[in-house]
Structures are given as structure tokens and as C-alpha cells.
Full PDB file with SEQRES, HELIX, SHEET, SSBOND, CRYST1, ORIGX, SCALE, CONECT and MASTER records, all heavy atoms in Angstrom:
SEQRES   1 A   42  ALA GLY ALA VAL VAL PHE LEU GLY VAL CYS ALA ILE ALA          
SEQRES   2 A   42  ALA THR GLY THR LEU THR PRO VAL ASP SER LEU ARG GLY          
SEQRES   3 A   42  TYR ALA ASP PRO ILE VAL TRP LEU VAL LEU CYS ALA PHE          
SEQRES   4 A   42  PHE ILE ALA                                                  
HELIX    1 AA1 GLY A    2  ALA A   14  1                                  13    
HELIX    2 AA2 PRO A   20  SER A   23  1                                   4    
HELIX    3 AA3 ARG A   25  ALA A   28  5                                   4    
HELIX    4 AA4 PRO A   30  ILE A   41  1                                  12    
CRYST1    1.000    1.000    1.000  90.00  90.00  90.00 P 1           1          
ORIGX1      1.000000  0.000000  0.000000        0.00000                         
ORIGX2      0.000000  1.000000  0.000000        0.00000                         
ORIGX3      0.000000  0.000000  1.000000        0.00000                         
SCALE1      1.000000  0.000000  0.000000        0.00000                         
SCALE2      0.000000  1.000000  0.000000        0.00000                         
SCALE3      0.000000  0.000000  1.000000        0.00000                         
ATOM      1  N   ALA A   1       1.312   4.862  12.503  1.00  0.00           N  
ATOM      2  CA  ALA A   1       0.900   3.604  11.885  1.00  0.00           C  
ATOM      3  C   ALA A   1       1.179   3.593  10.386  1.00  0.00           C  
ATOM      4  O   ALA A   1       1.553   2.567   9.824  1.00  0.00           O  
ATOM      5  CB  ALA A   1      -0.581   3.360  12.141  1.00  0.00           C  
ATOM      6  N   GLY A   2       0.992   4.738   9.730  1.00  0.00           N  
ATOM      7  CA  GLY A   2       1.274   4.809   8.302  1.00  0.00           C  
ATOM      8  C   GLY A   2       2.735   4.525   8.003  1.00  0.00           C  
ATOM      9  O   GLY A   2       3.071   3.810   7.053  1.00  0.00           O  
ATOM     10  N   ALA A   3       3.630   5.072   8.828  1.00  0.00           N  
ATOM     11  CA  ALA A   3       5.064   4.856   8.633  1.00  0.00           C  
ATOM     12  C   ALA A   3       5.426   3.395   8.887  1.00  0.00           C  
ATOM     13  O   ALA A   3       6.261   2.816   8.188  1.00  0.00           O  
ATOM     14  CB  ALA A   3       5.859   5.769   9.559  1.00  0.00           C  
ATOM     15  N   VAL A   4       4.796   2.777   9.884  1.00  0.00           N  
ATOM     16  CA  VAL A   4       5.071   1.375  10.190  1.00  0.00           C  
ATOM     17  C   VAL A   4       4.685   0.483   9.014  1.00  0.00           C  
ATOM     18  O   VAL A   4       5.443  -0.410   8.612  1.00  0.00           O  
ATOM     19  CB  VAL A   4       4.317   0.942  11.462  1.00  0.00           C  
ATOM     20  CG1 VAL A   4       4.391  -0.570  11.645  1.00  0.00           C  
ATOM     21  CG2 VAL A   4       4.899   1.644  12.689  1.00  0.00           C  
ATOM     22  N   VAL A   5       3.498   0.732   8.440  1.00  0.00           N  
ATOM     23  CA  VAL A   5       3.060  -0.071   7.297  1.00  0.00           C  
ATOM     24  C   VAL A   5       3.965   0.176   6.092  1.00  0.00           C  
ATOM     25  O   VAL A   5       4.304  -0.766   5.356  1.00  0.00           O  
ATOM     26  CB  VAL A   5       1.590   0.230   6.950  1.00  0.00           C  
ATOM     27  CG1 VAL A   5       1.172  -0.487   5.672  1.00  0.00           C  
ATOM     28  CG2 VAL A   5       0.675  -0.186   8.096  1.00  0.00           C  
ATOM     29  N   PHE A   6       4.368   1.417   5.890  1.00  0.00           N  
ATOM     30  CA  PHE A   6       5.291   1.735   4.792  1.00  0.00           C  
ATOM     31  C   PHE A   6       6.576   0.925   4.940  1.00  0.00           C  
ATOM     32  O   PHE A   6       7.089   0.355   3.960  1.00  0.00           O  
ATOM     33  CB  PHE A   6       5.599   3.236   4.799  1.00  0.00           C  
ATOM     34  CG  PHE A   6       6.567   3.677   3.743  1.00  0.00           C  
ATOM     35  CD1 PHE A   6       6.140   3.912   2.445  1.00  0.00           C  
ATOM     36  CD2 PHE A   6       7.908   3.850   4.041  1.00  0.00           C  
ATOM     37  CE1 PHE A   6       7.043   4.310   1.462  1.00  0.00           C  
ATOM     38  CE2 PHE A   6       8.817   4.251   3.070  1.00  0.00           C  
ATOM     39  CZ  PHE A   6       8.376   4.487   1.769  1.00  0.00           C  
ATOM     40  N   LEU A   7       7.114   0.854   6.145  1.00  0.00           N  
ATOM     41  CA  LEU A   7       8.329   0.070   6.367  1.00  0.00           C  
ATOM     42  C   LEU A   7       8.073  -1.411   6.131  1.00  0.00           C  
ATOM     43  O   LEU A   7       8.946  -2.131   5.629  1.00  0.00           O  
ATOM     44  CB  LEU A   7       8.831   0.303   7.798  1.00  0.00           C  
ATOM     45  CG  LEU A   7       9.339   1.717   8.110  1.00  0.00           C  
ATOM     46  CD1 LEU A   7       9.720   1.830   9.581  1.00  0.00           C  
ATOM     47  CD2 LEU A   7      10.537   2.072   7.230  1.00  0.00           C  
ATOM     48  N   GLY A   8       6.870  -1.882   6.492  1.00  0.00           N  
ATOM     49  CA  GLY A   8       6.532  -3.273   6.236  1.00  0.00           C  
ATOM     50  C   GLY A   8       6.507  -3.590   4.753  1.00  0.00           C  
ATOM     51  O   GLY A   8       7.017  -4.630   4.312  1.00  0.00           O  
ATOM     52  N   VAL A   9       5.925  -2.688   3.945  1.00  0.00           N  
ATOM     53  CA  VAL A   9       5.900  -2.868   2.493  1.00  0.00           C  
ATOM     54  C   VAL A   9       7.328  -2.868   1.943  1.00  0.00           C  
ATOM     55  O   VAL A   9       7.690  -3.695   1.081  1.00  0.00           O  
ATOM     56  CB  VAL A   9       5.060  -1.753   1.826  1.00  0.00           C  
ATOM     57  CG1 VAL A   9       5.186  -1.822   0.305  1.00  0.00           C  
ATOM     58  CG2 VAL A   9       3.596  -1.870   2.238  1.00  0.00           C  
ATOM     59  N   CYS A  10       8.166  -1.959   2.447  1.00  0.00           N  
ATOM     60  CA  CYS A  10       9.569  -1.914   2.012  1.00  0.00           C  
ATOM     61  C   CYS A  10      10.283  -3.223   2.340  1.00  0.00           C  
ATOM     62  O   CYS A  10      11.055  -3.746   1.524  1.00  0.00           O  
ATOM     63  CB  CYS A  10      10.288  -0.755   2.692  1.00  0.00           C  
ATOM     64  SG  CYS A  10       9.771   0.886   2.136  1.00  0.00           S  
ATOM     65  N   ALA A  11      10.013  -3.759   3.537  1.00  0.00           N  
ATOM     66  CA  ALA A  11      10.671  -5.000   3.948  1.00  0.00           C  
ATOM     67  C   ALA A  11      10.270  -6.165   3.051  1.00  0.00           C  
ATOM     68  O   ALA A  11      11.104  -7.000   2.694  1.00  0.00           O  
ATOM     69  CB  ALA A  11      10.318  -5.309   5.409  1.00  0.00           C  
ATOM     70  N   ILE A  12       9.011  -6.224   2.673  1.00  0.00           N  
ATOM     71  CA  ILE A  12       8.542  -7.302   1.797  1.00  0.00           C  
ATOM     72  C   ILE A  12       9.230  -7.252   0.444  1.00  0.00           C  
ATOM     73  O   ILE A  12       9.634  -8.282  -0.111  1.00  0.00           O  
ATOM     74  CB  ILE A  12       7.009  -7.216   1.635  1.00  0.00           C  
ATOM     75  CG1 ILE A  12       6.322  -7.633   2.935  1.00  0.00           C  
ATOM     76  CG2 ILE A  12       6.528  -8.104   0.495  1.00  0.00           C  
ATOM     77  CD1 ILE A  12       4.834  -7.407   2.923  1.00  0.00           C  
ATOM     78  N   ALA A  13       9.364  -6.032  -0.097  1.00  0.00           N  
ATOM     79  CA  ALA A  13      10.012  -5.889  -1.403  1.00  0.00           C  
ATOM     80  C   ALA A  13      11.519  -6.095  -1.300  1.00  0.00           C  
ATOM     81  O   ALA A  13      12.128  -6.772  -2.142  1.00  0.00           O  
ATOM     82  CB  ALA A  13       9.701  -4.507  -1.982  1.00  0.00           C  
ATOM     83  N   ALA A  14      12.155  -5.524  -0.267  1.00  0.00           N  
ATOM     84  CA  ALA A  14      13.611  -5.575  -0.141  1.00  0.00           C  
ATOM     85  C   ALA A  14      14.120  -6.986   0.122  1.00  0.00           C  
ATOM     86  O   ALA A  14      15.226  -7.345  -0.313  1.00  0.00           O  
ATOM     87  CB  ALA A  14      14.067  -4.641   0.975  1.00  0.00           C  
ATOM     88  N   THR A  15      13.342  -7.799   0.820  1.00  0.00           N  
ATOM     89  CA  THR A  15      13.767  -9.171   1.123  1.00  0.00           C  
ATOM     90  C   THR A  15      13.404 -10.153   0.021  1.00  0.00           C  
ATOM     91  O   THR A  15      13.727 -11.345   0.130  1.00  0.00           O  
ATOM     92  CB  THR A  15      13.114  -9.653   2.443  1.00  0.00           C  
ATOM     93  OG1 THR A  15      11.682  -9.573   2.318  1.00  0.00           O  
ATOM     94  CG2 THR A  15      13.579  -8.802   3.621  1.00  0.00           C  
ATOM     95  N   GLY A  16      12.730  -9.664  -1.017  1.00  0.00           N  
ATOM     96  CA  GLY A  16      12.340 -10.539  -2.106  1.00  0.00           C  
ATOM     97  C   GLY A  16      11.178 -11.447  -1.755  1.00  0.00           C  
ATOM     98  O   GLY A  16      10.897 -12.413  -2.482  1.00  0.00           O  
ATOM     99  N   THR A  17      10.497 -11.154  -0.656  1.00  0.00           N  
ATOM    100  CA  THR A  17       9.340 -11.957  -0.265  1.00  0.00           C  
ATOM    101  C   THR A  17       8.261 -11.870  -1.334  1.00  0.00           C  
ATOM    102  O   THR A  17       7.616 -12.863  -1.678  1.00  0.00           O  
ATOM    103  CB  THR A  17       8.794 -11.467   1.086  1.00  0.00           C  
ATOM    104  OG1 THR A  17       9.844 -11.531   2.063  1.00  0.00           O  
ATOM    105  CG2 THR A  17       7.615 -12.307   1.546  1.00  0.00           C  
ATOM    106  N   LEU A  18       8.054 -10.680  -1.857  1.00  0.00           N  
ATOM    107  CA  LEU A  18       7.207 -10.447  -3.018  1.00  0.00           C  
ATOM    108  C   LEU A  18       7.971  -9.588  -4.002  1.00  0.00           C  
ATOM    109  O   LEU A  18       8.882  -8.844  -3.614  1.00  0.00           O  
ATOM    110  CB  LEU A  18       5.904  -9.741  -2.616  1.00  0.00           C  
ATOM    111  CG  LEU A  18       4.928 -10.487  -1.703  1.00  0.00           C  
ATOM    112  CD1 LEU A  18       3.755  -9.560  -1.343  1.00  0.00           C  
ATOM    113  CD2 LEU A  18       4.406 -11.751  -2.362  1.00  0.00           C  
ATOM    114  N   THR A  19       7.615  -9.658  -5.263  1.00  0.00           N  
ATOM    115  CA  THR A  19       8.235  -8.788  -6.246  1.00  0.00           C  
ATOM    116  C   THR A  19       7.808  -7.346  -5.982  1.00  0.00           C  
ATOM    117  O   THR A  19       6.791  -7.096  -5.309  1.00  0.00           O  
ATOM    118  CB  THR A  19       7.816  -9.177  -7.668  1.00  0.00           C  
ATOM    119  OG1 THR A  19       6.410  -8.930  -7.828  1.00  0.00           O  
ATOM    120  CG2 THR A  19       8.106 -10.648  -7.943  1.00  0.00           C  
ATOM    121  N   PRO A  20       8.555  -6.367  -6.490  1.00  0.00           N  
ATOM    122  CA  PRO A  20       8.136  -4.969  -6.300  1.00  0.00           C  
ATOM    123  C   PRO A  20       6.719  -4.698  -6.789  1.00  0.00           C  
ATOM    124  O   PRO A  20       5.963  -3.975  -6.139  1.00  0.00           O  
ATOM    125  CB  PRO A  20       9.175  -4.192  -7.122  1.00  0.00           C  
ATOM    126  CG  PRO A  20      10.396  -5.054  -7.095  1.00  0.00           C  
ATOM    127  CD  PRO A  20       9.878  -6.464  -7.123  1.00  0.00           C  
ATOM    128  N   VAL A  21       6.362  -5.290  -7.937  1.00  0.00           N  
ATOM    129  CA  VAL A  21       5.009  -5.081  -8.469  1.00  0.00           C  
ATOM    130  C   VAL A  21       3.967  -5.650  -7.511  1.00  0.00           C  
ATOM    131  O   VAL A  21       2.964  -5.005  -7.203  1.00  0.00           O  
ATOM    132  CB  VAL A  21       4.875  -5.726  -9.864  1.00  0.00           C  
ATOM    133  CG1 VAL A  21       3.414  -5.690 -10.324  1.00  0.00           C  
ATOM    134  CG2 VAL A  21       5.763  -5.006 -10.866  1.00  0.00           C  
ATOM    135  N   ASP A  22       4.221  -6.875  -7.016  1.00  0.00           N  
ATOM    136  CA  ASP A  22       3.274  -7.488  -6.084  1.00  0.00           C  
ATOM    137  C   ASP A  22       3.236  -6.751  -4.755  1.00  0.00           C  
ATOM    138  O   ASP A  22       2.186  -6.644  -4.118  1.00  0.00           O  
ATOM    139  CB  ASP A  22       3.645  -8.953  -5.852  1.00  0.00           C  
ATOM    140  CG  ASP A  22       3.223  -9.843  -7.005  1.00  0.00           C  
ATOM    141  OD1 ASP A  22       2.332  -9.412  -7.770  1.00  0.00           O  
ATOM    142  OD2 ASP A  22       3.777 -10.942  -7.149  1.00  0.00           O  
ATOM    143  N   SER A  23       4.372  -6.246  -4.302  1.00  0.00           N  
ATOM    144  CA  SER A  23       4.436  -5.537  -3.025  1.00  0.00           C  
ATOM    145  C   SER A  23       3.570  -4.278  -3.038  1.00  0.00           C  
ATOM    146  O   SER A  23       2.969  -3.915  -2.023  1.00  0.00           O  
ATOM    147  CB  SER A  23       5.880  -5.160  -2.690  1.00  0.00           C  
ATOM    148  OG  SER A  23       6.698  -6.307  -2.593  1.00  0.00           O  
ATOM    149  N   LEU A  24       3.528  -3.609  -4.193  1.00  0.00           N  
ATOM    150  CA  LEU A  24       2.823  -2.328  -4.296  1.00  0.00           C  
ATOM    151  C   LEU A  24       1.425  -2.453  -4.881  1.00  0.00           C  
ATOM    152  O   LEU A  24       0.744  -1.446  -5.080  1.00  0.00           O  
ATOM    153  CB  LEU A  24       3.652  -1.373  -5.159  1.00  0.00           C  
ATOM    154  CG  LEU A  24       5.047  -1.033  -4.624  1.00  0.00           C  
ATOM    155  CD1 LEU A  24       5.840  -0.237  -5.657  1.00  0.00           C  
ATOM    156  CD2 LEU A  24       4.959  -0.259  -3.323  1.00  0.00           C  
ATOM    157  N   ARG A  25       0.986  -3.664  -5.136  1.00  0.00           N  
ATOM    158  CA  ARG A  25      -0.290  -3.861  -5.818  1.00  0.00           C  
ATOM    159  C   ARG A  25      -1.475  -3.341  -5.002  1.00  0.00           C  
ATOM    160  O   ARG A  25      -2.506  -2.963  -5.552  1.00  0.00           O  
ATOM    161  CB  ARG A  25      -0.472  -5.345  -6.143  1.00  0.00           C  
ATOM    162  CG  ARG A  25      -1.702  -5.651  -6.981  1.00  0.00           C  
ATOM    163  CD  ARG A  25      -1.644  -7.066  -7.504  1.00  0.00           C  
ATOM    164  NE  ARG A  25      -0.566  -7.217  -8.482  1.00  0.00           N  
ATOM    165  CZ  ARG A  25      -0.102  -8.384  -8.904  1.00  0.00           C  
ATOM    166  NH1 ARG A  25      -0.598  -9.506  -8.413  1.00  0.00           N  
ATOM    167  NH2 ARG A  25       0.871  -8.438  -9.795  1.00  0.00           N  
ATOM    168  N   GLY A  26      -1.348  -3.297  -3.698  1.00  0.00           N  
ATOM    169  CA  GLY A  26      -2.448  -2.814  -2.870  1.00  0.00           C  
ATOM    170  C   GLY A  26      -2.846  -1.378  -3.178  1.00  0.00           C  
ATOM    171  O   GLY A  26      -4.012  -1.000  -3.005  1.00  0.00           O  
ATOM    172  N   TYR A  27      -1.901  -0.590  -3.657  1.00  0.00           N  
ATOM    173  CA  TYR A  27      -2.198   0.820  -3.938  1.00  0.00           C  
ATOM    174  C   TYR A  27      -2.978   1.009  -5.233  1.00  0.00           C  
ATOM    175  O   TYR A  27      -3.415   2.117  -5.534  1.00  0.00           O  
ATOM    176  CB  TYR A  27      -0.894   1.632  -3.959  1.00  0.00           C  
ATOM    177  CG  TYR A  27      -0.205   1.585  -2.620  1.00  0.00           C  
ATOM    178  CD1 TYR A  27       0.937   0.804  -2.430  1.00  0.00           C  
ATOM    179  CD2 TYR A  27      -0.728   2.267  -1.528  1.00  0.00           C  
ATOM    180  CE1 TYR A  27       1.552   0.729  -1.191  1.00  0.00           C  
ATOM    181  CE2 TYR A  27      -0.112   2.199  -0.281  1.00  0.00           C  
ATOM    182  CZ  TYR A  27       1.020   1.426  -0.130  1.00  0.00           C  
ATOM    183  OH  TYR A  27       1.615   1.349   1.110  1.00  0.00           O  
ATOM    184  N   ALA A  28      -3.158  -0.069  -5.983  1.00  0.00           N  
ATOM    185  CA  ALA A  28      -3.998  -0.019  -7.183  1.00  0.00           C  
ATOM    186  C   ALA A  28      -5.385  -0.580  -6.924  1.00  0.00           C  
ATOM    187  O   ALA A  28      -6.226  -0.591  -7.821  1.00  0.00           O  
ATOM    188  CB  ALA A  28      -3.325  -0.799  -8.323  1.00  0.00           C  
ATOM    189  N   ASP A  29      -5.634  -1.025  -5.698  1.00  0.00           N  
ATOM    190  CA  ASP A  29      -6.936  -1.597  -5.363  1.00  0.00           C  
ATOM    191  C   ASP A  29      -7.998  -0.496  -5.355  1.00  0.00           C  
ATOM    192  O   ASP A  29      -7.828   0.533  -4.686  1.00  0.00           O  
ATOM    193  CB  ASP A  29      -6.862  -2.262  -3.986  1.00  0.00           C  
ATOM    194  CG  ASP A  29      -8.062  -3.150  -3.701  1.00  0.00           C  
ATOM    195  OD1 ASP A  29      -9.204  -2.663  -3.831  1.00  0.00           O  
ATOM    196  OD2 ASP A  29      -7.854  -4.326  -3.353  1.00  0.00           O  
ATOM    197  N   PRO A  30      -9.116  -0.676  -6.075  1.00  0.00           N  
ATOM    198  CA  PRO A  30     -10.163   0.362  -6.103  1.00  0.00           C  
ATOM    199  C   PRO A  30     -10.712   0.719  -4.729  1.00  0.00           C  
ATOM    200  O   PRO A  30     -11.093   1.868  -4.482  1.00  0.00           O  
ATOM    201  CB  PRO A  30     -11.254  -0.271  -6.982  1.00  0.00           C  
ATOM    202  CG  PRO A  30     -10.548  -1.276  -7.827  1.00  0.00           C  
ATOM    203  CD  PRO A  30      -9.435  -1.804  -6.975  1.00  0.00           C  
ATOM    204  N   ILE A  31     -10.734  -0.252  -3.813  1.00  0.00           N  
ATOM    205  CA  ILE A  31     -11.259   0.008  -2.479  1.00  0.00           C  
ATOM    206  C   ILE A  31     -10.383   1.023  -1.747  1.00  0.00           C  
ATOM    207  O   ILE A  31     -10.867   1.874  -0.996  1.00  0.00           O  
ATOM    208  CB  ILE A  31     -11.355  -1.298  -1.666  1.00  0.00           C  
ATOM    209  CG1 ILE A  31     -12.362  -2.248  -2.318  1.00  0.00           C  
ATOM    210  CG2 ILE A  31     -11.765  -1.018  -0.237  1.00  0.00           C  
ATOM    211  CD1 ILE A  31     -13.768  -1.697  -2.379  1.00  0.00           C  
ATOM    212  N   VAL A  32      -9.080   0.949  -1.964  1.00  0.00           N  
ATOM    213  CA  VAL A  32      -8.159   1.912  -1.345  1.00  0.00           C  
ATOM    214  C   VAL A  32      -8.462   3.324  -1.854  1.00  0.00           C  
ATOM    215  O   VAL A  32      -8.469   4.298  -1.085  1.00  0.00           O  
ATOM    216  CB  VAL A  32      -6.697   1.522  -1.636  1.00  0.00           C  
ATOM    217  CG1 VAL A  32      -5.733   2.554  -1.058  1.00  0.00           C  
ATOM    218  CG2 VAL A  32      -6.399   0.134  -1.065  1.00  0.00           C  
ATOM    219  N   TRP A  33      -8.765   3.447  -3.130  1.00  0.00           N  
ATOM    220  CA  TRP A  33      -9.103   4.752  -3.707  1.00  0.00           C  
ATOM    221  C   TRP A  33     -10.476   5.218  -3.250  1.00  0.00           C  
ATOM    222  O   TRP A  33     -10.718   6.427  -3.116  1.00  0.00           O  
ATOM    223  CB  TRP A  33      -9.020   4.682  -5.235  1.00  0.00           C  
ATOM    224  CG  TRP A  33      -7.597   4.725  -5.689  1.00  0.00           C  
ATOM    225  CD1 TRP A  33      -6.755   3.671  -5.872  1.00  0.00           C  
ATOM    226  CD2 TRP A  33      -6.840   5.904  -5.972  1.00  0.00           C  
ATOM    227  NE1 TRP A  33      -5.522   4.105  -6.262  1.00  0.00           N  
ATOM    228  CE2 TRP A  33      -5.540   5.476  -6.345  1.00  0.00           C  
ATOM    229  CE3 TRP A  33      -7.123   7.257  -5.963  1.00  0.00           C  
ATOM    230  CZ2 TRP A  33      -4.534   6.367  -6.677  1.00  0.00           C  
ATOM    231  CZ3 TRP A  33      -6.121   8.164  -6.304  1.00  0.00           C  
ATOM    232  CH2 TRP A  33      -4.852   7.718  -6.654  1.00  0.00           C  
ATOM    233  N   LEU A  34     -11.368   4.276  -2.988  1.00  0.00           N  
ATOM    234  CA  LEU A  34     -12.667   4.648  -2.433  1.00  0.00           C  
ATOM    235  C   LEU A  34     -12.493   5.359  -1.092  1.00  0.00           C  
ATOM    236  O   LEU A  34     -13.071   6.426  -0.846  1.00  0.00           O  
ATOM    237  CB  LEU A  34     -13.530   3.393  -2.248  1.00  0.00           C  
ATOM    238  CG  LEU A  34     -14.726   3.499  -1.295  1.00  0.00           C  
ATOM    239  CD1 LEU A  34     -15.752   4.490  -1.825  1.00  0.00           C  
ATOM    240  CD2 LEU A  34     -15.361   2.137  -1.069  1.00  0.00           C  
ATOM    241  N   VAL A  35     -11.680   4.782  -0.235  1.00  0.00           N  
ATOM    242  CA  VAL A  35     -11.451   5.382   1.084  1.00  0.00           C  
ATOM    243  C   VAL A  35     -10.784   6.744   0.947  1.00  0.00           C  
ATOM    244  O   VAL A  35     -11.161   7.714   1.621  1.00  0.00           O  
ATOM    245  CB  VAL A  35     -10.595   4.438   1.954  1.00  0.00           C  
ATOM    246  CG1 VAL A  35     -10.262   5.094   3.292  1.00  0.00           C  
ATOM    247  CG2 VAL A  35     -11.321   3.120   2.186  1.00  0.00           C  
ATOM    248  N   LEU A  36      -9.795   6.837   0.073  1.00  0.00           N  
ATOM    249  CA  LEU A  36      -9.096   8.109  -0.129  1.00  0.00           C  
ATOM    250  C   LEU A  36     -10.062   9.192  -0.583  1.00  0.00           C  
ATOM    251  O   LEU A  36     -10.086  10.310  -0.029  1.00  0.00           O  
ATOM    252  CB  LEU A  36      -7.982   7.921  -1.170  1.00  0.00           C  
ATOM    253  CG  LEU A  36      -7.137   9.160  -1.499  1.00  0.00           C  
ATOM    254  CD1 LEU A  36      -6.315   9.585  -0.280  1.00  0.00           C  
ATOM    255  CD2 LEU A  36      -6.221   8.888  -2.694  1.00  0.00           C  
ATOM    256  N   CYS A  37     -10.888   8.886  -1.570  1.00  0.00           N  
ATOM    257  CA  CYS A  37     -11.835   9.875  -2.088  1.00  0.00           C  
ATOM    258  C   CYS A  37     -12.899  10.238  -1.059  1.00  0.00           C  
ATOM    259  O   CYS A  37     -13.342  11.390  -0.991  1.00  0.00           O  
ATOM    260  CB  CYS A  37     -12.497   9.344  -3.367  1.00  0.00           C  
ATOM    261  SG  CYS A  37     -11.389   9.260  -4.786  1.00  0.00           S  
ATOM    262  N   ALA A  38     -13.310   9.258  -0.254  1.00  0.00           N  
ATOM    263  CA  ALA A  38     -14.302   9.544   0.775  1.00  0.00           C  
ATOM    264  C   ALA A  38     -13.754  10.531   1.797  1.00  0.00           C  
ATOM    265  O   ALA A  38     -14.487  11.378   2.317  1.00  0.00           O  
ATOM    266  CB  ALA A  38     -14.736   8.253   1.456  1.00  0.00           C  
ATOM    267  N   PHE A  39     -12.459  10.458   2.071  1.00  0.00           N  
ATOM    268  CA  PHE A  39     -11.843  11.445   2.959  1.00  0.00           C  
ATOM    269  C   PHE A  39     -11.867  12.841   2.331  1.00  0.00           C  
ATOM    270  O   PHE A  39     -12.060  13.844   3.029  1.00  0.00           O  
ATOM    271  CB  PHE A  39     -10.408  11.032   3.287  1.00  0.00           C  
ATOM    272  CG  PHE A  39     -10.279  10.220   4.537  1.00  0.00           C  
ATOM    273  CD1 PHE A  39     -10.503   8.852   4.514  1.00  0.00           C  
ATOM    274  CD2 PHE A  39      -9.953  10.811   5.746  1.00  0.00           C  
ATOM    275  CE1 PHE A  39     -10.395   8.086   5.659  1.00  0.00           C  
ATOM    276  CE2 PHE A  39      -9.847  10.062   6.905  1.00  0.00           C  
ATOM    277  CZ  PHE A  39     -10.065   8.694   6.866  1.00  0.00           C  
ATOM    278  N   PHE A  40     -11.673  12.904   1.026  1.00  0.00           N  
ATOM    279  CA  PHE A  40     -11.736  14.209   0.356  1.00  0.00           C  
ATOM    280  C   PHE A  40     -13.156  14.783   0.416  1.00  0.00           C  
ATOM    281  O   PHE A  40     -13.345  15.986   0.586  1.00  0.00           O  
ATOM    282  CB  PHE A  40     -11.282  14.077  -1.094  1.00  0.00           C  
ATOM    283  CG  PHE A  40      -9.839  13.663  -1.251  1.00  0.00           C  
ATOM    284  CD1 PHE A  40      -9.423  12.938  -2.365  1.00  0.00           C  
ATOM    285  CD2 PHE A  40      -8.904  13.985  -0.287  1.00  0.00           C  
ATOM    286  CE1 PHE A  40      -8.101  12.553  -2.509  1.00  0.00           C  
ATOM    287  CE2 PHE A  40      -7.568  13.598  -0.423  1.00  0.00           C  
ATOM    288  CZ  PHE A  40      -7.174  12.878  -1.535  1.00  0.00           C  
ATOM    289  N   ILE A  41     -14.148  13.907   0.261  1.00  0.00           N  
ATOM    290  CA  ILE A  41     -15.542  14.358   0.382  1.00  0.00           C  
ATOM    291  C   ILE A  41     -15.804  14.857   1.802  1.00  0.00           C  
ATOM    292  O   ILE A  41     -16.494  15.870   2.006  1.00  0.00           O  
ATOM    293  CB  ILE A  41     -16.504  13.213   0.014  1.00  0.00           C  
ATOM    294  CG1 ILE A  41     -16.367  12.875  -1.484  1.00  0.00           C  
ATOM    295  CG2 ILE A  41     -17.948  13.584   0.332  1.00  0.00           C  
ATOM    296  CD1 ILE A  41     -17.141  11.649  -1.927  1.00  0.00           C  
ATOM    297  N   ALA A  42     -15.229  14.166   2.792  1.00  0.00           N  
ATOM    298  CA  ALA A  42     -15.368  14.619   4.180  1.00  0.00           C  
ATOM    299  C   ALA A  42     -14.768  16.006   4.354  1.00  0.00           C  
ATOM    300  O   ALA A  42     -15.298  16.833   5.108  1.00  0.00           O  
ATOM    301  CB  ALA A  42     -14.679  13.624   5.115  1.00  0.00           C  
TER     302      ALA A  42                                                      
MASTER        0    0    0    4    0    0    0    6  301    1    0    4          
END                                                                             
């Protein structure tokens, strides 16, 4: 599933559907980092 979503993000940026900055903006979302850190605590 991770690889599928990665390809989806690539497709959005490569087709110009969103700009590269907008395509990758989800990785700057604090909630995404919350989940990542919670896994480290686990």
C-alpha cells in the first residue's frame, strides 16, 4: 500500500495535476509526524 500511494503522489506531480510543492505538502502535516512518532514510542 505504501508503494501504491507513493506512485499516486508521483502521478499527481508528474501530470501537473498539482505542483511539486503541493503534491508533497502532506508530508509536512503535523498529524503525519504524530503517527510516525507514535510508532517509535510503540
